[in-house]
Amino acid sequence: MNKNIFKIYQFFKFKKSGYSVSPNKIFKSLNESQYWSKEKMRLYQLDKLNKLLIFASKNSDYYANKFKNIDLPLNNIVEFERKIPPINKKEIANNLEKIKSEKFINKYIHSTSGSSGDPLTIYISEMAEIYRKAGSIRFRDWWGIKPHDKSVLIWRYDRKEENLNLKFKTFLRSRYDINVYGLNDNNIHEYFNYIEKFKPAYIRGYKSGIVEFAELLDKNKLKFRKSKFKVAIVTSEVLYKEERDLIERVLNCKVANEYGAAEVGLIAYECPQGSMHVFEEANYLFVNKRSEVIVTELYNESTPLINYKNDDEIIIVEEKCKCGRTSRLIKEVKGRVSGYILKTDGSKINQGILISIFMELNEKISNAVRKFKVYQKKNKLKIKIVPMDNFNNDCKDFICKRLYEHVGNDILIEFDIVNKIEREKSGKLVYFVHE
């Protein structure tokens, strides 16, 4: 799209959103703060945390009670981690009206997908929303992407068909939307042909959506010639090495992993050097002894979520990235606390092993499995499989052999051959669940 036309569109979009400060202005400040010393960043975060704690204690019934025996302001970050008790999703759901501050804004609203339980609606303050927008602009800028650049978004949509209004929006936003529910062999050529003419700079979407998109392109021997993606941005689901390799091979571009949550916004983003940078200016993030995420969005005064445990496990390191940015790095997103296969001795195996096993199978026996989903109930694994032409008993034997190597022979394995595996209502594709 023409840069000037997009600027006009963006101006009216921000004005309609009611922003008192343009995200573009915050974006410029973020370009400076990303090189701050660690000491300066910690002082900044401590200041924002203290302001949020004092605000919440005065304007939220829930936090007024929770902080009544805590002396504020705190002296350092260590005190914050030690003295402020965490809050989880169940507590939020049960106390949402008390958590909301007296000055909450019923305008910027975000809802969780509900893929790990009931959906949760969170009210976001204006400045928190602005920082979310500015953070996205900065992180994409790392990859040479400008706000007016064309893109493809693979997401969930309820609409049934394209119309003139949506085509006009595609033009204004410089974005072509693909419904993740509608990806299949029947329309992949249509999507491919449109994208070849559209020539987007990047593609973004659910990780499973982009993986499925790449699989369909690969299966149908479709290779982009005119369209050259700068990057494929994947979000909302854990990215495994095998999936990254597939996307990079088929789309002929690097993959940038985006980590966040509707409740607290963008938490971290991958730079071209391959490091996952924490969005320090908008969040304070740390982990407990079990590597569980505990995060606070610094600017959300509408529904303050202070020391929120989001049910994820990650590894944070203090290493310095070659790109020169000084934020802490997430070395690994291990996934949901509940996303582990339980062995009979009580130990856990990350669900990522399932991706590896089925990738190995399809390398060993081509056209074997299209999709799979594994359910665990006590010591039993039920594996739903959408088979391809070459799926046979040898495939089952291979899956069992590899699973037994990791979870032990005392786990029962049962196969269920099906025609389709539905996505969650959120649009995500979950590989493993506990029943």
Protein backbone atom coordinates (compact mmCIF):
# COMPACT_ATOMS: atom_id res chain seq x y z
CA MET A 1 0.00 0.00 0.00
CA ASN A 2 1.02 3.60 -0.53
CA LYS A 3 2.79 4.76 2.64
CA ASN A 4 0.92 8.08 2.85
CA ILE A 5 -2.50 6.47 2.40
CA PHE A 6 -1.71 4.04 5.22
CA LYS A 7 -0.60 6.89 7.48
CA ILE A 8 -3.99 8.54 7.01
CA TYR A 9 -5.75 5.23 7.72
CA GLN A 10 -3.61 4.64 10.82
CA PHE A 11 -4.20 8.20 12.09
CA PHE A 12 -7.99 7.77 11.99
CA LYS A 13 -7.71 4.25 13.42
CA PHE A 14 -5.74 5.51 16.44
CA LYS A 15 -8.11 8.47 16.82
CA LYS A 16 -11.12 6.15 16.79
CA SER A 17 -9.42 4.07 19.48
CA GLY A 18 -9.24 7.18 21.64
CA TYR A 19 -5.48 7.10 22.22
CA SER A 20 -4.21 10.22 23.99
CA VAL A 21 -0.68 9.25 22.91
CA SER A 22 0.15 7.76 19.52
CA PRO A 23 1.69 4.26 19.66
CA ASN A 24 4.18 5.60 17.10
CA LYS A 25 5.50 8.04 19.71
CA ILE A 26 5.92 5.25 22.27
CA PHE A 27 7.58 3.16 19.56
CA LYS A 28 10.29 5.82 19.20
CA SER A 29 10.95 5.79 22.94
CA LEU A 30 11.12 1.98 22.91
CA ASN A 31 13.85 2.15 20.30
CA GLU A 32 15.95 4.02 22.86
CA SER A 33 15.06 2.01 25.97
CA GLN A 34 15.91 -1.32 24.31
CA TYR A 35 19.59 -0.38 24.76
CA TRP A 36 19.35 0.76 28.39
CA SER A 37 21.66 -0.81 30.94
CA LYS A 38 20.11 -3.58 33.02
CA GLU A 39 20.39 -1.37 36.12
CA LYS A 40 18.46 1.47 34.46
CA MET A 41 15.76 -0.95 33.27
CA ARG A 42 15.32 -2.44 36.75
CA LEU A 43 14.93 1.04 38.29
CA TYR A 44 12.34 1.88 35.63
CA GLN A 45 10.43 -1.34 36.32
CA LEU A 46 10.58 -0.87 40.08
CA ASP A 47 9.14 2.63 39.70
CA LYS A 48 6.28 1.38 37.50
CA LEU A 49 5.60 -1.59 39.81
CA ASN A 50 5.42 0.63 42.89
CA LYS A 51 3.04 3.03 41.15
CA LEU A 52 0.83 0.11 40.10
CA LEU A 53 0.90 -1.43 43.60
CA ILE A 54 -0.06 1.83 45.27
CA PHE A 55 -2.76 2.52 42.68
CA ALA A 56 -4.23 -0.98 43.04
CA SER A 57 -4.20 -0.83 46.85
CA LYS A 58 -6.23 2.40 46.71
CA ASN A 59 -8.59 1.61 43.82
CA SER A 60 -9.19 -2.15 43.92
CA ASP A 61 -11.06 -3.88 46.78
CA TYR A 62 -9.21 -7.13 46.05
CA TYR A 63 -5.73 -5.62 46.26
CA ALA A 64 -6.62 -3.30 49.16
CA ASN A 65 -7.19 -6.44 51.20
CA LYS A 66 -4.27 -8.38 49.70
CA PHE A 67 -1.69 -5.63 50.32
CA LYS A 68 -2.95 -4.38 53.71
CA ASN A 69 0.06 -5.85 55.56
CA ILE A 70 2.67 -4.87 52.96
CA ASP A 71 4.60 -1.62 53.32
CA LEU A 72 4.59 0.35 50.08
CA PRO A 73 6.55 1.46 48.14
CA LEU A 74 8.96 -1.48 47.92
CA ASN A 75 12.70 -0.91 48.02
CA ASN A 76 13.78 -3.28 45.26
CA ILE A 77 12.70 -5.91 42.75
CA VAL A 78 13.64 -8.77 45.07
CA GLU A 79 11.08 -7.51 47.59
CA PHE A 80 8.45 -7.45 44.86
CA GLU A 81 9.09 -11.07 43.92
CA ARG A 82 9.20 -12.19 47.56
CA LYS A 83 6.44 -10.15 49.21
CA ILE A 84 3.73 -9.85 46.55
CA PRO A 85 1.71 -13.10 46.39
CA PRO A 86 0.90 -14.51 42.93
CA ILE A 87 -2.57 -14.73 41.44
CA ASN A 88 -3.81 -17.42 39.03
CA LYS A 89 -6.57 -17.57 36.45
CA LYS A 90 -9.06 -19.24 38.80
CA GLU A 91 -8.60 -16.51 41.41
CA ILE A 92 -9.08 -13.84 38.76
CA ALA A 93 -12.27 -15.45 37.49
CA ASN A 94 -13.67 -15.71 41.03
CA ASN A 95 -12.73 -12.15 42.01
CA LEU A 96 -12.86 -10.18 38.75
CA GLU A 97 -15.30 -7.52 39.93
CA LYS A 98 -13.22 -6.86 43.06
CA ILE A 99 -9.95 -6.81 41.09
CA LYS A 100 -11.19 -4.20 38.63
CA SER A 101 -10.18 -0.74 39.78
CA GLU A 102 -12.64 2.08 40.40
CA LYS A 103 -11.15 3.81 37.36
CA PHE A 104 -11.41 0.90 34.93
CA ILE A 105 -12.23 1.68 31.30
CA ASN A 106 -14.87 -0.42 29.56
CA LYS A 107 -13.28 0.15 26.15
CA TYR A 108 -10.12 -1.90 25.64
CA ILE A 109 -11.15 -5.48 26.21
CA HIS A 110 -9.21 -8.69 25.67
CA SER A 111 -10.44 -12.24 26.19
CA THR A 112 -8.48 -15.44 26.60
CA SER A 113 -9.16 -18.24 24.15
CA GLY A 114 -10.38 -20.66 26.80
CA SER A 115 -8.17 -23.43 25.38
CA SER A 116 -6.93 -24.28 28.89
CA GLY A 117 -10.25 -23.67 30.67
CA ASP A 118 -13.05 -21.13 30.68
CA PRO A 119 -12.48 -17.90 28.70
CA LEU A 120 -11.52 -14.86 30.76
CA THR A 121 -12.32 -11.23 29.87
CA ILE A 122 -9.84 -8.56 30.98
CA TYR A 123 -10.28 -4.79 30.77
CA ILE A 124 -7.15 -2.97 29.63
CA SER A 125 -6.25 0.62 30.46
CA GLU A 126 -5.48 3.01 27.62
CA MET A 127 -1.73 3.18 28.22
CA ALA A 128 -1.44 -0.60 28.46
CA GLU A 129 -3.20 -0.88 25.10
CA ILE A 130 -0.89 1.75 23.58
CA TYR A 131 2.21 -0.12 24.79
CA ARG A 132 0.88 -3.34 23.30
CA LYS A 133 0.52 -1.63 19.92
CA ALA A 134 3.89 0.13 20.16
CA GLY A 135 5.64 -3.08 21.19
CA SER A 136 4.31 -4.88 18.12
CA ILE A 137 5.46 -2.04 15.87
CA ARG A 138 8.96 -2.15 17.38
CA PHE A 139 9.38 -5.89 17.23
CA ARG A 140 8.32 -6.05 13.58
CA ASP A 141 10.64 -3.17 12.83
CA TRP A 142 13.50 -5.43 13.93
CA TRP A 143 12.71 -7.55 10.88
CA GLY A 144 12.57 -4.58 8.52
CA ILE A 145 8.76 -4.53 8.55
CA LYS A 146 7.02 -1.14 8.45
CA PRO A 147 3.39 -0.60 9.56
CA HIS A 148 2.25 -0.05 5.97
CA ASP A 149 3.86 -3.27 4.66
CA LYS A 150 1.50 -5.89 3.27
CA SER A 151 0.89 -9.01 5.32
CA VAL A 152 -1.07 -12.24 5.52
CA LEU A 153 -2.83 -13.17 8.77
CA ILE A 154 -3.94 -16.74 9.45
CA TRP A 155 -6.42 -16.45 12.32
CA ARG A 156 -9.91 -17.47 13.39
CA TYR A 157 -12.88 -15.78 11.73
CA ASP A 158 -16.60 -16.46 11.98
CA ARG A 159 -17.47 -14.97 8.62
CA LYS A 160 -18.66 -17.32 5.90
CA GLU A 161 -17.43 -15.61 2.76
CA GLU A 162 -15.45 -12.68 1.40
CA ASN A 163 -17.36 -9.58 0.33
CA LEU A 164 -16.60 -6.13 -1.09
CA ASN A 165 -16.40 -4.55 2.35
CA LEU A 166 -13.77 -7.07 3.47
CA LYS A 167 -11.81 -6.59 0.25
CA PHE A 168 -11.78 -2.85 0.91
CA LYS A 169 -10.50 -3.52 4.44
CA THR A 170 -7.78 -5.70 2.94
CA PHE A 171 -6.70 -2.72 0.87
CA LEU A 172 -6.82 -0.24 3.80
CA ARG A 173 -5.01 -2.48 6.26
CA SER A 174 -2.58 -3.91 3.71
CA ARG A 175 -3.52 -7.29 5.14
CA TYR A 176 -5.01 -10.42 3.60
CA ASP A 177 -6.90 -12.58 6.11
CA ILE A 178 -7.12 -16.36 5.90
CA ASN A 179 -9.58 -18.23 8.10
CA VAL A 180 -7.66 -20.93 9.96
CA TYR A 181 -10.80 -23.10 9.98
CA GLY A 182 -10.92 -23.06 6.18
CA LEU A 183 -7.43 -24.31 5.27
CA ASN A 184 -7.73 -27.37 3.06
CA ASP A 185 -6.74 -28.91 -0.28
CA ASN A 186 -9.78 -27.36 -1.98
CA ASN A 187 -8.76 -23.73 -1.50
CA ILE A 188 -4.97 -23.77 -1.03
CA HIS A 189 -4.45 -22.95 -4.73
CA GLU A 190 -6.80 -19.96 -4.40
CA TYR A 191 -4.88 -18.66 -1.38
CA PHE A 192 -1.57 -19.28 -3.13
CA ASN A 193 -2.58 -17.43 -6.31
CA TYR A 194 -3.91 -14.43 -4.37
CA ILE A 195 -0.77 -14.15 -2.25
CA GLU A 196 1.45 -14.35 -5.34
CA LYS A 197 -0.33 -11.28 -6.72
CA PHE A 198 -0.63 -9.54 -3.32
CA LYS A 199 3.15 -9.83 -2.61
CA PRO A 200 3.08 -9.46 1.20
CA ALA A 201 6.21 -8.66 3.22
CA TYR A 202 5.40 -11.14 5.99
CA ILE A 203 2.95 -13.72 7.25
CA ARG A 204 1.65 -14.01 10.82
CA GLY A 205 -0.78 -16.26 12.64
CA TYR A 206 -1.42 -19.20 14.90
CA LYS A 207 1.59 -21.47 14.84
CA SER A 208 -0.56 -24.46 13.91
CA GLY A 209 -2.26 -22.41 11.18
CA ILE A 210 1.03 -21.47 9.52
CA VAL A 211 2.29 -25.04 9.91
CA GLU A 212 -0.86 -26.35 8.23
CA PHE A 213 -0.54 -23.69 5.51
CA ALA A 214 3.07 -24.78 4.86
CA GLU A 215 2.08 -28.47 4.85
CA LEU A 216 -0.65 -27.84 2.25
CA LEU A 217 1.72 -25.83 0.06
CA ASP A 218 4.31 -28.57 0.31
CA LYS A 219 1.83 -31.34 -0.42
CA ASN A 220 0.51 -29.53 -3.50
CA LYS A 221 4.04 -28.59 -4.66
CA LEU A 222 3.28 -24.87 -4.51
CA LYS A 223 6.32 -22.60 -4.21
CA PHE A 224 6.14 -18.81 -4.03
CA ARG A 225 8.14 -17.08 -6.76
CA LYS A 226 6.83 -13.50 -6.83
CA SER A 227 6.08 -13.24 -3.12
CA LYS A 228 9.14 -13.17 -0.89
CA PHE A 229 8.39 -13.15 2.82
CA LYS A 230 10.81 -11.35 5.15
CA VAL A 231 9.62 -13.44 8.07
CA ALA A 232 6.87 -15.76 9.28
CA ILE A 233 5.60 -14.69 12.73
CA VAL A 234 4.06 -17.51 14.76
CA THR A 235 2.11 -17.01 17.98
CA SER A 236 -0.30 -18.52 20.54
CA GLU A 237 1.17 -22.04 20.56
CA VAL A 238 4.54 -23.58 21.40
CA LEU A 239 6.84 -23.77 18.37
CA TYR A 240 8.94 -26.92 17.99
CA LYS A 241 12.14 -27.25 15.99
CA GLU A 242 10.60 -29.62 13.43
CA GLU A 243 7.82 -27.12 12.75
CA ARG A 244 10.26 -24.22 12.44
CA ASP A 245 12.30 -26.24 9.93
CA LEU A 246 9.18 -27.01 7.87
CA ILE A 247 8.00 -23.38 7.73
CA GLU A 248 11.45 -22.04 6.84
CA ARG A 249 11.91 -24.63 4.10
CA VAL A 250 8.49 -24.16 2.46
CA LEU A 251 8.11 -20.38 2.85
CA ASN A 252 11.82 -19.71 2.30
CA CYS A 253 12.12 -17.25 5.19
CA LYS A 254 13.06 -17.16 8.85
CA VAL A 255 10.52 -17.72 11.62
CA ALA A 256 10.00 -15.23 14.47
CA ASN A 257 8.38 -16.63 17.58
CA GLU A 258 5.96 -14.30 19.41
CA TYR A 259 5.09 -15.08 23.03
CA GLY A 260 2.25 -13.40 24.87
CA ALA A 261 -1.20 -13.74 26.38
CA ALA A 262 -4.46 -11.85 26.01
CA GLU A 263 -4.44 -11.10 29.74
CA VAL A 264 -1.04 -9.36 29.82
CA GLY A 265 -0.20 -8.61 26.19
CA LEU A 266 3.04 -9.24 24.35
CA ILE A 267 5.66 -10.77 26.67
CA ALA A 268 8.56 -11.58 24.34
CA TYR A 269 9.55 -11.60 20.67
CA GLU A 270 12.32 -13.19 18.63
CA CYS A 271 14.92 -10.99 16.92
CA PRO A 272 16.75 -11.83 13.65
CA GLN A 273 19.66 -13.18 15.72
CA GLY A 274 17.36 -15.88 17.07
CA SER A 275 17.01 -14.56 20.64
CA MET A 276 13.66 -14.21 22.40
CA HIS A 277 13.64 -10.74 24.00
CA VAL A 278 11.43 -9.97 26.99
CA PHE A 279 9.26 -6.86 26.54
CA GLU A 280 10.74 -5.29 29.67
CA GLU A 281 9.20 -1.83 29.20
CA ALA A 282 5.63 -3.16 29.44
CA ASN A 283 5.99 -6.19 31.72
CA TYR A 284 7.90 -7.43 34.71
CA LEU A 285 8.52 -11.13 34.24
CA PHE A 286 10.17 -13.75 36.43
CA VAL A 287 9.87 -17.47 37.18
CA ASN A 288 9.62 -19.44 40.41
CA LYS A 289 11.65 -22.52 41.32
CA ARG A 290 9.42 -24.66 39.09
CA SER A 291 10.04 -22.38 36.08
CA GLU A 292 6.42 -21.18 36.16
CA VAL A 293 5.79 -17.78 34.57
CA ILE A 294 4.86 -14.93 36.91
CA VAL A 295 4.16 -11.69 35.04
CA THR A 296 2.81 -8.20 35.72
CA GLU A 297 1.67 -5.83 32.98
CA LEU A 298 3.07 -2.50 34.19
CA TYR A 299 0.47 -0.15 32.70
CA ASN A 300 -2.84 -1.94 33.18
CA GLU A 301 -4.71 0.01 35.85
CA SER A 302 -8.15 -1.15 34.69
CA THR A 303 -7.77 -4.79 35.72
CA PRO A 304 -4.36 -5.02 37.40
CA LEU A 305 -2.95 -8.53 37.20
CA ILE A 306 -0.05 -8.39 39.62
CA ASN A 307 2.27 -11.41 39.73
CA TYR A 308 -0.02 -13.39 37.46
CA LYS A 309 0.74 -17.10 36.99
CA ASN A 310 -0.37 -17.84 33.44
CA ASP A 311 0.15 -21.64 33.63
CA ASP A 312 3.24 -21.56 31.36
CA GLU A 313 6.76 -22.74 32.02
CA ILE A 314 9.79 -20.94 30.54
CA ILE A 315 13.53 -20.57 31.04
CA ILE A 316 14.88 -16.99 31.39
CA VAL A 317 18.58 -16.20 30.94
CA GLU A 318 20.68 -13.06 31.44
CA GLU A 319 22.80 -13.68 28.34
CA LYS A 320 23.56 -10.81 25.97
CA CYS A 321 22.23 -11.04 22.43
CA LYS A 322 24.46 -10.30 19.45
CA CYS A 323 21.89 -7.73 18.30
CA GLY A 324 23.00 -5.44 21.15
CA ARG A 325 19.61 -5.13 22.84
CA THR A 326 19.92 -5.51 26.58
CA SER A 327 16.66 -7.17 27.66
CA ARG A 328 16.66 -10.54 29.36
CA LEU A 329 16.08 -13.49 27.05
CA ILE A 330 13.70 -16.42 27.13
CA LYS A 331 15.83 -19.43 26.30
CA GLU A 332 12.88 -21.80 26.02
CA VAL A 333 9.09 -21.72 26.17
CA LYS A 334 8.41 -25.15 27.63
CA GLY A 335 4.64 -24.84 27.36
CA ARG A 336 1.68 -25.25 29.65
CA VAL A 337 2.12 -26.66 33.14
CA SER A 338 -0.70 -29.03 32.19
CA GLY A 339 0.90 -29.87 28.82
CA TYR A 340 2.90 -32.88 29.97
CA ILE A 341 2.46 -36.61 29.53
CA LEU A 342 2.43 -38.17 32.98
CA LYS A 343 4.37 -41.41 33.44
CA THR A 344 3.13 -43.98 35.93
CA ASP A 345 5.96 -43.09 38.33
CA GLY A 346 4.70 -39.47 38.45
CA SER A 347 7.45 -37.97 36.30
CA LYS A 348 6.58 -35.82 33.27
CA ILE A 349 7.45 -35.77 29.56
CA ASN A 350 6.92 -32.59 27.54
CA GLN A 351 4.18 -32.97 24.92
CA GLY A 352 6.70 -31.77 22.32
CA ILE A 353 7.92 -35.36 22.05
CA LEU A 354 4.69 -36.13 20.18
CA ILE A 355 5.61 -33.64 17.44
CA SER A 356 9.04 -35.25 17.11
CA ILE A 357 7.63 -38.78 16.88
CA PHE A 358 5.08 -37.95 14.18
CA MET A 359 7.63 -35.90 12.23
CA GLU A 360 9.99 -38.90 12.35
CA LEU A 361 7.19 -41.16 11.18
CA ASN A 362 6.39 -39.02 8.15
CA GLU A 363 10.08 -38.92 7.25
CA LYS A 364 10.33 -42.70 7.57
CA ILE A 365 7.02 -43.44 5.80
CA SER A 366 5.85 -40.64 3.51
CA ASN A 367 2.14 -39.76 3.39
CA ALA A 368 1.43 -41.56 6.67
CA VAL A 369 -0.36 -39.18 9.05
CA ARG A 370 -2.12 -35.93 8.22
CA LYS A 371 -3.09 -34.88 11.78
CA PHE A 372 -3.09 -36.34 15.25
CA LYS A 373 -4.30 -35.61 18.78
CA VAL A 374 -3.41 -37.49 21.95
CA TYR A 375 -5.62 -37.80 25.04
CA GLN A 376 -4.32 -39.09 28.37
CA LYS A 377 -6.54 -40.59 31.04
CA LYS A 378 -4.49 -41.96 33.92
CA ASN A 379 -2.12 -44.57 32.41
CA LYS A 380 -3.82 -44.70 29.01
CA LEU A 381 -3.02 -42.75 25.84
CA LYS A 382 -5.72 -42.53 23.18
CA ILE A 383 -4.30 -41.36 19.86
CA LYS A 384 -6.66 -39.94 17.26
CA ILE A 385 -5.17 -40.07 13.77
CA VAL A 386 -6.27 -38.69 10.44
CA PRO A 387 -4.49 -41.16 8.13
CA MET A 388 -2.99 -40.64 4.69
CA ASP A 389 -2.54 -43.22 1.92
CA ASN A 390 0.48 -45.00 3.43
CA PHE A 391 -0.73 -45.34 6.99
CA ASN A 392 -0.63 -48.98 8.13
CA ASN A 393 0.18 -51.23 11.07
CA ASP A 394 3.89 -50.51 10.68
CA CYS A 395 3.08 -46.86 11.46
CA LYS A 396 1.25 -47.89 14.63
CA ASP A 397 4.19 -50.08 15.66
CA PHE A 398 6.62 -47.21 15.11
CA ILE A 399 4.52 -44.79 17.19
CA CYS A 400 4.18 -47.31 20.02
CA LYS A 401 7.89 -48.15 20.00
CA ARG A 402 8.95 -44.48 20.19
CA LEU A 403 6.36 -43.63 22.85
CA TYR A 404 7.37 -46.61 25.03
CA GLU A 405 10.98 -45.40 24.86
CA HIS A 406 9.92 -42.15 26.51
CA VAL A 407 6.94 -42.96 28.74
CA GLY A 408 7.58 -46.62 29.58
CA ASN A 409 5.90 -49.90 28.62
CA ASP A 410 3.31 -49.68 31.40
CA ILE A 411 1.35 -47.00 29.52
CA LEU A 412 -1.56 -48.37 27.46
CA ILE A 413 -1.83 -47.05 23.89
CA GLU A 414 -5.04 -47.08 21.87
CA PHE A 415 -5.56 -45.79 18.31
CA ASP A 416 -8.68 -44.14 16.94
CA ILE A 417 -8.69 -43.57 13.18
CA VAL A 418 -10.87 -40.56 12.28
CA ASN A 419 -11.62 -38.41 9.25
CA LYS A 420 -11.08 -35.05 10.94
CA ILE A 421 -9.65 -33.45 14.06
CA GLU A 422 -11.41 -30.24 14.94
CA ARG A 423 -9.60 -27.11 16.09
CA GLU A 424 -10.51 -25.58 19.42
CA LYS A 425 -13.10 -22.77 19.45
CA SER A 426 -10.14 -20.40 19.79
CA GLY A 427 -8.79 -21.53 16.42
CA LYS A 428 -5.81 -23.25 18.00
CA LEU A 429 -4.91 -26.86 17.28
CA VAL A 430 -4.14 -28.70 20.51
CA TYR A 431 -2.00 -31.84 20.16
CA PHE A 432 -2.34 -33.18 23.68
CA VAL A 433 -4.96 -32.99 26.45
CA HIS A 434 -5.63 -34.59 29.82
CA GLU A 435 -9.11 -36.05 30.15
